Every structure is written in C-alpha cells, then in structure tokens.
Amino acid sequence: MLSRREWVKTFALGCIASVGSGARSTVLADISPGVNVANVIDLKTADFPVLQSTYGSVRVGLFNENLPGGKMVVTRGPGDVFYAVSAVCTHSATIVDAYLHGDTQLIICYGHDSHYAMDGTLLKANDEGTANQGNLPKYNTSYANGVVRIELPSLNFKLNTVFIQSEVGNSKRLALNYNQRLGARYKVRYTPDLITPPVAVNFALTAGGVANQTQTAVATSNNARTLYVDSTQSRGFYFIEMVVETEVAYSP
C-alpha cells in the first residue's frame, strides 16, 4: 500500500512554555535517565497504520536530508522491535525506498541498486563497484503502549527562551525562541491545561508583525528562530511543532 499524507508531530515534554506565572521560563518534563529530551521524537503507531503490523514500514521526512536523521525509514520487525535508519544511501546519498517485505524483503536504493536489510545492514553494494560502502546509520528505538521512541542525537529541538515581548492591557505578546532545522516547517499550538488537546494558533514572524501565520516556510538554516504569539489567557501552554511528511508507506 502506498500512501502520502502529512501530519504534525508534537515534540511535547521538550518544548512546552507556560504563559502563567512561569511565562519567562521553559517547562521541561523528564523522559528517561540519560536521554536528552530535545533529541527524542515519539511516533504513535495509531498515526502510522502500517506500523501496527509486523514488517510494516514508512519513510518520513523531518527536515533536510543532508542532516543526520532528516529522512528516515522506520520498520516494525518481529517481536515489536522497531528499526529506524537513515533514508540516505551510503553510496551516493540518493534517498532509499521504505522496506518492502512482500516482494523483496529489502530497503532498496534505486539510484544504483544498493540493497539493505530492515536494520540498515548493507546486503548488496552499488552496481557501480564503488568500494567502502557502509550500512545505513541506525538510531536507537524503544516501544511501549503504542509509541515508538526514536533518539536522534542531532535533533536538538527545544525551546531556548520564552519571554514577554510586549503587553497591552491584558494581552501579552510572547516570544518563543527555538532551535530550527534546515528544511523543516513549524506550527504553534496551545492548550490551557496539558489535558485539553492543543489547538493551532496563529503567530507572527516579527516582534511587530501581524499574527496571521499558520505555518512557517521551510527553514533555510539551522539558526535559532523566534515566533510571536498573542495571548489574553492567564495560564496555559504553547507547543512548537515540527511538520513531518510521510513520503512512502508499505504494508507487509
């Protein structure tokens, strides 16, 4: 099955900013010992139907493929073991396909016919005879309660600072500064209590701009960026979200 859709991945826990009494600080929650919250993404299998079945596989694009983890192939193996590997071929940096179990049981690069196992191990080198081709880089994963957790050492996605840019009456303009990634797009959402599902909110791109943006343009650098939101709420939480595109998905 081939599907193409777009979904918004919430990097909660690592990018929550309070607009109440703690408006000038970032609220972080512990995920697990020894893991940097800013380097972890959670994928719900409910959001990826193919990952609910053994040997289901999906290729996703987070940001520019020239950055580690920018494009990944995520595959569900036997025994609820998940494999997350780079989708960039180690021969000539062509983007590989998702793992296809039914026909080939391979991850294939159609540029020069390199073959990889679902865990990224190189099984057949390119047909040009180039030497020293390696395995696809692999990322640590864990799985529990329908959530696949993937650790991307280079992600560094977090809110750096949150502060009140200006106030007019009971309205505050908050400045949310975060680490962006080349090729990524972002949205902002708000929830009053971390229980109510967050809703999308408009934002401004400059301190004095009109808050009429719903999604950033594709980031052209890895520099930190600031988005501005207007709030009349006495409390609540804002989320910076990365838009992630599902490029290819195969059922077993």
C-alpha atoms as a PDB file:
ATOM      1  CA  MET A   1       0.000   0.000   0.000  1.00  0.00           C
ATOM      2  CA  LEU A   2       1.348   3.406  -0.944  1.00  0.00           C
ATOM      3  CA  SER A   3       0.076   6.459   0.879  1.00  0.00           C
ATOM      4  CA  ARG A   4       1.116  10.070   1.098  1.00  0.00           C
ATOM      5  CA  ARG A   5      -0.107  12.392   3.793  1.00  0.00           C
ATOM      6  CA  GLU A   6       1.117  14.987   6.186  1.00  0.00           C
ATOM      7  CA  TRP A   7       0.857  15.030   9.956  1.00  0.00           C
ATOM      8  CA  VAL A   8       2.072  17.272  12.721  1.00  0.00           C
ATOM      9  CA  LYS A   9       4.424  15.722  15.237  1.00  0.00           C
ATOM     10  CA  THR A  10       4.226  17.305  18.667  1.00  0.00           C
ATOM     11  CA  PHE A  11       7.547  17.325  20.436  1.00  0.00           C
ATOM     12  CA  ALA A  12       5.836  17.858  23.758  1.00  0.00           C
ATOM     13  CA  LEU A  13       7.778  17.460  27.001  1.00  0.00           C
ATOM     14  CA  GLY A  14      10.684  19.158  25.337  1.00  0.00           C
ATOM     15  CA  CYS A  15       9.028  22.281  24.041  1.00  0.00           C
ATOM     16  CA  ILE A  16       6.330  23.475  26.400  1.00  0.00           C
ATOM     17  CA  ALA A  17       6.213  27.090  27.538  1.00  0.00           C
ATOM     18  CA  SER A  18       3.926  28.285  30.326  1.00  0.00           C
ATOM     19  CA  VAL A  19       2.067  31.550  29.883  1.00  0.00           C
ATOM     20  CA  GLY A  20       1.057  31.752  33.523  1.00  0.00           C
ATOM     21  CA  SER A  21       3.296  32.723  36.404  1.00  0.00           C
ATOM     22  CA  GLY A  22       6.212  30.906  34.760  1.00  0.00           C
ATOM     23  CA  ALA A  23       5.919  32.746  31.453  1.00  0.00           C
ATOM     24  CA  ARG A  24       9.599  33.627  31.438  1.00  0.00           C
ATOM     25  CA  SER A  25      10.871  30.068  31.669  1.00  0.00           C
ATOM     26  CA  THR A  26      10.628  26.822  29.771  1.00  0.00           C
ATOM     27  CA  VAL A  27       8.822  23.884  31.329  1.00  0.00           C
ATOM     28  CA  LEU A  28      10.532  20.555  30.712  1.00  0.00           C
ATOM     29  CA  ALA A  29       9.484  17.086  31.805  1.00  0.00           C
ATOM     30  CA  ASP A  30      11.827  14.165  32.364  1.00  0.00           C
ATOM     31  CA  ILE A  31      11.510  11.385  29.779  1.00  0.00           C
ATOM     32  CA  SER A  32      14.080   8.881  30.967  1.00  0.00           C
ATOM     33  CA  PRO A  33      17.520   8.931  32.586  1.00  0.00           C
ATOM     34  CA  GLY A  34      20.399   9.602  30.224  1.00  0.00           C
ATOM     35  CA  VAL A  35      18.246  10.760  27.301  1.00  0.00           C
ATOM     36  CA  ASN A  36      18.226  14.375  26.172  1.00  0.00           C
ATOM     37  CA  VAL A  37      14.568  15.350  25.753  1.00  0.00           C
ATOM     38  CA  ALA A  38      15.463  17.595  22.849  1.00  0.00           C
ATOM     39  CA  ASN A  39      16.856  14.607  20.918  1.00  0.00           C
ATOM     40  CA  VAL A  40      13.834  12.293  21.194  1.00  0.00           C
ATOM     41  CA  ILE A  41      10.746  12.024  18.996  1.00  0.00           C
ATOM     42  CA  ASP A  42       7.697   9.865  19.660  1.00  0.00           C
ATOM     43  CA  LEU A  43       5.744   8.249  16.832  1.00  0.00           C
ATOM     44  CA  LYS A  44       2.318   6.855  17.673  1.00  0.00           C
ATOM     45  CA  THR A  45       1.538   3.738  15.688  1.00  0.00           C
ATOM     46  CA  ALA A  46      -2.073   4.972  15.561  1.00  0.00           C
ATOM     47  CA  ASP A  47      -0.778   7.789  13.338  1.00  0.00           C
ATOM     48  CA  PHE A  48       1.005   5.276  11.092  1.00  0.00           C
ATOM     49  CA  PRO A  49      -1.348   2.351  10.381  1.00  0.00           C
ATOM     50  CA  VAL A  50       1.350   0.379   8.542  1.00  0.00           C
ATOM     51  CA  LEU A  51       3.443   0.296  11.741  1.00  0.00           C
ATOM     52  CA  GLN A  52       0.683  -1.569  13.538  1.00  0.00           C
ATOM     53  CA  SER A  53       1.660  -4.721  11.635  1.00  0.00           C
ATOM     54  CA  THR A  54       4.919  -6.673  11.638  1.00  0.00           C
ATOM     55  CA  TYR A  55       7.082  -5.694   8.655  1.00  0.00           C
ATOM     56  CA  GLY A  56       5.118  -2.510   8.043  1.00  0.00           C
ATOM     57  CA  SER A  57       7.443   0.320   7.007  1.00  0.00           C
ATOM     58  CA  VAL A  58       7.302   4.059   6.414  1.00  0.00           C
ATOM     59  CA  ARG A  59       9.735   6.661   5.121  1.00  0.00           C
ATOM     60  CA  VAL A  60       9.315  10.044   6.741  1.00  0.00           C
ATOM     61  CA  GLY A  61      10.849  13.428   6.086  1.00  0.00           C
ATOM     62  CA  LEU A  62      11.555  15.659   9.067  1.00  0.00           C
ATOM     63  CA  PHE A  63      13.965  18.161   7.556  1.00  0.00           C
ATOM     64  CA  ASN A  64      16.795  18.401   5.041  1.00  0.00           C
ATOM     65  CA  GLU A  65      18.210  15.007   4.049  1.00  0.00           C
ATOM     66  CA  ASN A  66      21.739  16.363   4.290  1.00  0.00           C
ATOM     67  CA  LEU A  67      21.338  16.484   8.075  1.00  0.00           C
ATOM     68  CA  PRO A  68      21.528  13.229  10.076  1.00  0.00           C
ATOM     69  CA  GLY A  69      18.015  11.915  10.651  1.00  0.00           C
ATOM     70  CA  GLY A  70      16.438  14.344   8.182  1.00  0.00           C
ATOM     71  CA  LYS A  71      14.823  11.438   6.354  1.00  0.00           C
ATOM     72  CA  MET A  72      14.292   8.056   7.995  1.00  0.00           C
ATOM     73  CA  VAL A  73      12.882   4.620   7.285  1.00  0.00           C
ATOM     74  CA  VAL A  74      11.010   3.194  10.269  1.00  0.00           C
ATOM     75  CA  THR A  75      10.111  -0.510  10.136  1.00  0.00           C
ATOM     76  CA  ARG A  76       8.366  -2.814  12.589  1.00  0.00           C
ATOM     77  CA  GLY A  77      10.191  -6.122  12.969  1.00  0.00           C
ATOM     78  CA  PRO A  78       9.086  -9.334  14.705  1.00  0.00           C
ATOM     79  CA  GLY A  79       8.517  -9.170  18.447  1.00  0.00           C
ATOM     80  CA  ASP A  80       7.592  -5.463  18.464  1.00  0.00           C
ATOM     81  CA  VAL A  81      11.162  -4.450  17.632  1.00  0.00           C
ATOM     82  CA  PHE A  82      11.333  -1.234  15.624  1.00  0.00           C
ATOM     83  CA  TYR A  83      14.183  -0.185  13.366  1.00  0.00           C
ATOM     84  CA  ALA A  84      14.845   3.450  12.477  1.00  0.00           C
ATOM     85  CA  VAL A  85      17.566   4.033   9.904  1.00  0.00           C
ATOM     86  CA  SER A  86      18.709   6.899   7.729  1.00  0.00           C
ATOM     87  CA  ALA A  87      17.000   7.038   4.344  1.00  0.00           C
ATOM     88  CA  VAL A  88      20.141   8.413   2.686  1.00  0.00           C
ATOM     89  CA  CYS A  89      22.039   5.767   0.729  1.00  0.00           C
ATOM     90  CA  THR A  90      25.680   5.432   1.799  1.00  0.00           C
ATOM     91  CA  HIS A  91      26.827   5.197  -1.813  1.00  0.00           C
ATOM     92  CA  SER A  92      25.786   8.467  -3.454  1.00  0.00           C
ATOM     93  CA  ALA A  93      23.298   9.976  -0.967  1.00  0.00           C
ATOM     94  CA  THR A  94      20.249   9.002  -3.032  1.00  0.00           C
ATOM     95  CA  ILE A  95      17.073   8.606  -0.952  1.00  0.00           C
ATOM     96  CA  VAL A  96      16.201   4.935  -0.451  1.00  0.00           C
ATOM     97  CA  ASP A  97      12.734   3.404  -0.526  1.00  0.00           C
ATOM     98  CA  ALA A  98      10.897   2.151   2.544  1.00  0.00           C
ATOM     99  CA  TYR A  99      11.324  -1.521   3.477  1.00  0.00           C
ATOM    100  CA  LEU A 100       9.140  -3.736   1.297  1.00  0.00           C
ATOM    101  CA  HIS A 101       8.619  -7.149   2.859  1.00  0.00           C
ATOM    102  CA  GLY A 102       6.214  -8.818   0.464  1.00  0.00           C
ATOM    103  CA  ASP A 103       8.297  -8.613  -2.709  1.00  0.00           C
ATOM    104  CA  THR A 104      11.943  -8.083  -1.839  1.00  0.00           C
ATOM    105  CA  GLN A 105      12.342  -8.049   1.966  1.00  0.00           C
ATOM    106  CA  LEU A 106      14.764  -5.196   1.373  1.00  0.00           C
ATOM    107  CA  ILE A 107      15.314  -1.486   1.623  1.00  0.00           C
ATOM    108  CA  ILE A 108      16.375  -0.630  -1.919  1.00  0.00           C
ATOM    109  CA  CYS A 109      18.168   2.378  -3.335  1.00  0.00           C
ATOM    110  CA  TYR A 110      17.005   2.610  -6.907  1.00  0.00           C
ATOM    111  CA  GLY A 111      19.771   5.021  -7.825  1.00  0.00           C
ATOM    112  CA  HIS A 112      22.462   2.338  -8.178  1.00  0.00           C
ATOM    113  CA  ASP A 113      20.680  -0.756  -6.801  1.00  0.00           C
ATOM    114  CA  SER A 114      22.108  -0.917  -3.292  1.00  0.00           C
ATOM    115  CA  HIS A 115      20.258  -3.328  -1.010  1.00  0.00           C
ATOM    116  CA  TYR A 116      19.850  -3.074   2.777  1.00  0.00           C
ATOM    117  CA  ALA A 117      18.159  -5.152   5.454  1.00  0.00           C
ATOM    118  CA  MET A 118      15.424  -3.592   7.568  1.00  0.00           C
ATOM    119  CA  ASP A 119      18.009  -2.779  10.252  1.00  0.00           C
ATOM    120  CA  GLY A 120      20.132  -0.889   7.720  1.00  0.00           C
ATOM    121  CA  THR A 121      22.767  -3.590   7.184  1.00  0.00           C
ATOM    122  CA  LEU A 122      24.255  -3.432   3.679  1.00  0.00           C
ATOM    123  CA  LEU A 123      23.446  -6.664   1.824  1.00  0.00           C
ATOM    124  CA  LYS A 124      24.436  -5.687  -1.709  1.00  0.00           C
ATOM    125  CA  ALA A 125      26.701  -2.806  -2.651  1.00  0.00           C
ATOM    126  CA  ASN A 126      26.007  -0.442  -5.530  1.00  0.00           C
ATOM    127  CA  ASP A 127      26.269  -1.665  -9.110  1.00  0.00           C
ATOM    128  CA  GLU A 128      28.997   0.858  -9.923  1.00  0.00           C
ATOM    129  CA  GLY A 129      31.522  -1.102  -7.920  1.00  0.00           C
ATOM    130  CA  THR A 130      32.329   1.746  -5.540  1.00  0.00           C
ATOM    131  CA  ALA A 131      34.267   0.409  -2.573  1.00  0.00           C
ATOM    132  CA  ASN A 132      33.851   1.064   1.154  1.00  0.00           C
ATOM    133  CA  GLN A 133      30.081   1.469   1.116  1.00  0.00           C
ATOM    134  CA  GLY A 134      28.664   1.163   4.639  1.00  0.00           C
ATOM    135  CA  ASN A 135      25.447   0.352   6.441  1.00  0.00           C
ATOM    136  CA  LEU A 136      22.655   2.879   6.793  1.00  0.00           C
ATOM    137  CA  PRO A 137      23.104   4.802  10.079  1.00  0.00           C
ATOM    138  CA  LYS A 138      20.775   3.392  12.721  1.00  0.00           C
ATOM    139  CA  TYR A 139      19.031   5.231  15.560  1.00  0.00           C
ATOM    140  CA  ASN A 140      18.156   3.851  18.979  1.00  0.00           C
ATOM    141  CA  THR A 141      14.481   2.988  19.426  1.00  0.00           C
ATOM    142  CA  SER A 142      12.159   1.728  22.140  1.00  0.00           C
ATOM    143  CA  TYR A 143       8.489   0.805  22.089  1.00  0.00           C
ATOM    144  CA  ALA A 144       5.720   0.821  24.676  1.00  0.00           C
ATOM    145  CA  ASN A 145       1.980   1.481  24.739  1.00  0.00           C
ATOM    146  CA  GLY A 146       1.694   2.106  21.037  1.00  0.00           C
ATOM    147  CA  VAL A 147       4.507   4.671  20.915  1.00  0.00           C
ATOM    148  CA  VAL A 148       7.819   4.280  19.086  1.00  0.00           C
ATOM    149  CA  ARG A 149      10.525   6.430  20.654  1.00  0.00           C
ATOM    150  CA  ILE A 150      13.452   7.359  18.397  1.00  0.00           C
ATOM    151  CA  GLU A 151      16.598   9.058  19.598  1.00  0.00           C
ATOM    152  CA  LEU A 152      18.193  11.460  17.098  1.00  0.00           C
ATOM    153  CA  PRO A 153      21.459  12.796  18.527  1.00  0.00           C
ATOM    154  CA  SER A 154      21.494  15.734  16.108  1.00  0.00           C
ATOM    155  CA  LEU A 155      17.895  16.869  16.569  1.00  0.00           C
ATOM    156  CA  ASN A 156      18.380  19.424  19.380  1.00  0.00           C
ATOM    157  CA  PHE A 157      14.769  20.566  19.075  1.00  0.00           C
ATOM    158  CA  LYS A 158      13.727  22.610  22.086  1.00  0.00           C
ATOM    159  CA  LEU A 159      12.556  25.992  23.232  1.00  0.00           C
ATOM    160  CA  ASN A 160      15.553  28.066  24.221  1.00  0.00           C
ATOM    161  CA  THR A 161      13.854  31.073  25.802  1.00  0.00           C
ATOM    162  CA  VAL A 162      10.334  32.339  26.364  1.00  0.00           C
ATOM    163  CA  PHE A 163       9.683  35.933  27.331  1.00  0.00           C
ATOM    164  CA  ILE A 164       7.022  38.633  27.196  1.00  0.00           C
ATOM    165  CA  GLN A 165       7.805  40.833  24.199  1.00  0.00           C
ATOM    166  CA  SER A 166       5.145  43.428  24.990  1.00  0.00           C
ATOM    167  CA  GLU A 167       1.907  43.959  26.937  1.00  0.00           C
ATOM    168  CA  VAL A 168      -1.178  46.000  26.085  1.00  0.00           C
ATOM    169  CA  GLY A 169      -3.894  45.736  28.713  1.00  0.00           C
ATOM    170  CA  ASN A 170      -4.435  42.057  29.406  1.00  0.00           C
ATOM    171  CA  SER A 171      -2.906  40.999  26.099  1.00  0.00           C
ATOM    172  CA  LYS A 172       0.662  39.705  26.057  1.00  0.00           C
ATOM    173  CA  ARG A 173       2.880  39.117  23.032  1.00  0.00           C
ATOM    174  CA  LEU A 174       5.099  36.150  23.832  1.00  0.00           C
ATOM    175  CA  ALA A 175       8.343  35.468  22.022  1.00  0.00           C
ATOM    176  CA  LEU A 176       9.101  31.740  21.586  1.00  0.00           C
ATOM    177  CA  ASN A 177      12.709  31.076  20.576  1.00  0.00           C
ATOM    178  CA  TYR A 178      13.535  27.546  19.406  1.00  0.00           C
ATOM    179  CA  ASN A 179      16.143  25.561  17.501  1.00  0.00           C
ATOM    180  CA  GLN A 180      15.038  25.048  13.911  1.00  0.00           C
ATOM    181  CA  ARG A 181      16.390  22.582  11.390  1.00  0.00           C
ATOM    182  CA  LEU A 182      17.228  23.233   7.745  1.00  0.00           C
ATOM    183  CA  GLY A 183      14.325  22.118   5.568  1.00  0.00           C
ATOM    184  CA  ALA A 184      11.769  21.841   8.390  1.00  0.00           C
ATOM    185  CA  ARG A 185       8.462  23.664   8.846  1.00  0.00           C
ATOM    186  CA  TYR A 186       6.792  24.527  12.147  1.00  0.00           C
ATOM    187  CA  LYS A 187       3.406  25.312  13.693  1.00  0.00           C
ATOM    188  CA  VAL A 188       2.298  26.607  17.101  1.00  0.00           C
ATOM    189  CA  ARG A 189      -0.419  25.082  19.283  1.00  0.00           C
ATOM    190  CA  TYR A 190      -1.942  25.998  22.622  1.00  0.00           C
ATOM    191  CA  THR A 191      -3.585  24.077  25.470  1.00  0.00           C
ATOM    192  CA  PRO A 192      -4.863  25.563  28.726  1.00  0.00           C
ATOM    193  CA  ASP A 193      -4.013  22.606  30.940  1.00  0.00           C
ATOM    194  CA  LEU A 194      -1.960  19.865  29.161  1.00  0.00           C
ATOM    195  CA  ILE A 195      -5.105  17.700  29.251  1.00  0.00           C
ATOM    196  CA  THR A 196      -7.204  19.503  26.662  1.00  0.00           C
ATOM    197  CA  PRO A 197      -5.939  18.665  23.145  1.00  0.00           C
ATOM    198  CA  PRO A 198      -3.841  21.597  21.895  1.00  0.00           C
ATOM    199  CA  VAL A 199      -5.284  23.716  19.106  1.00  0.00           C
ATOM    200  CA  ALA A 200      -3.424  25.567  16.369  1.00  0.00           C
ATOM    201  CA  VAL A 201      -2.875  29.293  16.914  1.00  0.00           C
ATOM    202  CA  ASN A 202      -1.686  31.990  14.561  1.00  0.00           C
ATOM    203  CA  PHE A 203       1.679  33.616  15.097  1.00  0.00           C
ATOM    204  CA  ALA A 204       3.787  36.498  13.816  1.00  0.00           C
ATOM    205  CA  LEU A 205       7.246  36.221  12.291  1.00  0.00           C
ATOM    206  CA  THR A 206       8.478  39.528  13.729  1.00  0.00           C
ATOM    207  CA  ALA A 207       8.046  41.332  17.046  1.00  0.00           C
ATOM    208  CA  GLY A 208       5.770  43.940  15.496  1.00  0.00           C
ATOM    209  CA  GLY A 209       4.185  41.821  12.793  1.00  0.00           C
ATOM    210  CA  VAL A 210       0.572  40.714  12.467  1.00  0.00           C
ATOM    211  CA  ALA A 211      -0.131  37.298  13.996  1.00  0.00           C
ATOM    212  CA  ASN A 212      -1.657  35.763  10.876  1.00  0.00           C
ATOM    213  CA  GLN A 213       0.760  32.905  10.125  1.00  0.00           C
ATOM    214  CA  THR A 214      -0.320  29.275  10.499  1.00  0.00           C
ATOM    215  CA  GLN A 215       2.907  27.549   9.423  1.00  0.00           C
ATOM    216  CA  THR A 216       6.466  28.686   8.831  1.00  0.00           C
ATOM    217  CA  ALA A 217       8.101  28.470   5.457  1.00  0.00           C
ATOM    218  CA  VAL A 218      10.758  25.817   5.000  1.00  0.00           C
ATOM    219  CA  ALA A 219      13.706  26.724   7.210  1.00  0.00           C
ATOM    220  CA  THR A 220      16.733  27.847   5.215  1.00  0.00           C
ATOM    221  CA  SER A 221      19.255  27.459   8.050  1.00  0.00           C
ATOM    222  CA  ASN A 222      19.875  25.745  11.378  1.00  0.00           C
ATOM    223  CA  ASN A 223      19.868  29.046  13.248  1.00  0.00           C
ATOM    224  CA  ALA A 224      17.608  29.606  16.244  1.00  0.00           C
ATOM    225  CA  ARG A 225      14.331  31.335  15.377  1.00  0.00           C
ATOM    226  CA  THR A 226      11.673  33.307  17.240  1.00  0.00           C
ATOM    227  CA  LEU A 227       7.912  33.174  16.668  1.00  0.00           C
ATOM    228  CA  TYR A 228       5.485  35.581  18.354  1.00  0.00           C
ATOM    229  CA  VAL A 229       2.038  34.732  19.725  1.00  0.00           C
ATOM    230  CA  ASP A 230      -0.611  36.983  21.267  1.00  0.00           C
ATOM    231  CA  SER A 231      -2.281  35.697  24.414  1.00  0.00           C
ATOM    232  CA  THR A 232      -5.008  37.018  26.700  1.00  0.00           C
ATOM    233  CA  GLN A 233      -5.010  33.854  28.783  1.00  0.00           C
ATOM    234  CA  SER A 234      -3.910  33.866  32.412  1.00  0.00           C
ATOM    235  CA  ARG A 235      -2.456  30.388  32.126  1.00  0.00           C
ATOM    236  CA  GLY A 236      -1.729  27.691  29.590  1.00  0.00           C
ATOM    237  CA  PHE A 237       0.978  26.099  27.453  1.00  0.00           C
ATOM    238  CA  TYR A 238       2.284  26.666  23.949  1.00  0.00           C
ATOM    239  CA  PHE A 239       3.822  23.962  21.774  1.00  0.00           C
ATOM    240  CA  ILE A 240       6.225  24.408  18.892  1.00  0.00           C
ATOM    241  CA  GLU A 241       5.532  21.576  16.451  1.00  0.00           C
ATOM    242  CA  MET A 242       7.517  20.252  13.526  1.00  0.00           C
ATOM    243  CA  VAL A 243       5.531  19.327  10.424  1.00  0.00           C
ATOM    244  CA  VAL A 244       6.583  15.866   9.285  1.00  0.00           C
ATOM    245  CA  GLU A 245       5.734  14.468   5.882  1.00  0.00           C
ATOM    246  CA  THR A 246       5.017  10.799   5.331  1.00  0.00           C
ATOM    247  CA  GLU A 247       6.603  10.101   1.962  1.00  0.00           C
ATOM    248  CA  VAL A 248       6.171   6.347   1.399  1.00  0.00           C
ATOM    249  CA  ALA A 249       4.384   3.665   3.431  1.00  0.00           C
ATOM    250  CA  TYR A 250       4.248  -0.075   2.747  1.00  0.00           C
ATOM    251  CA  SER A 251       2.064  -2.674   4.412  1.00  0.00           C
ATOM    252  CA  PRO A 252       3.643  -6.124   4.891  1.00  0.00           C
END
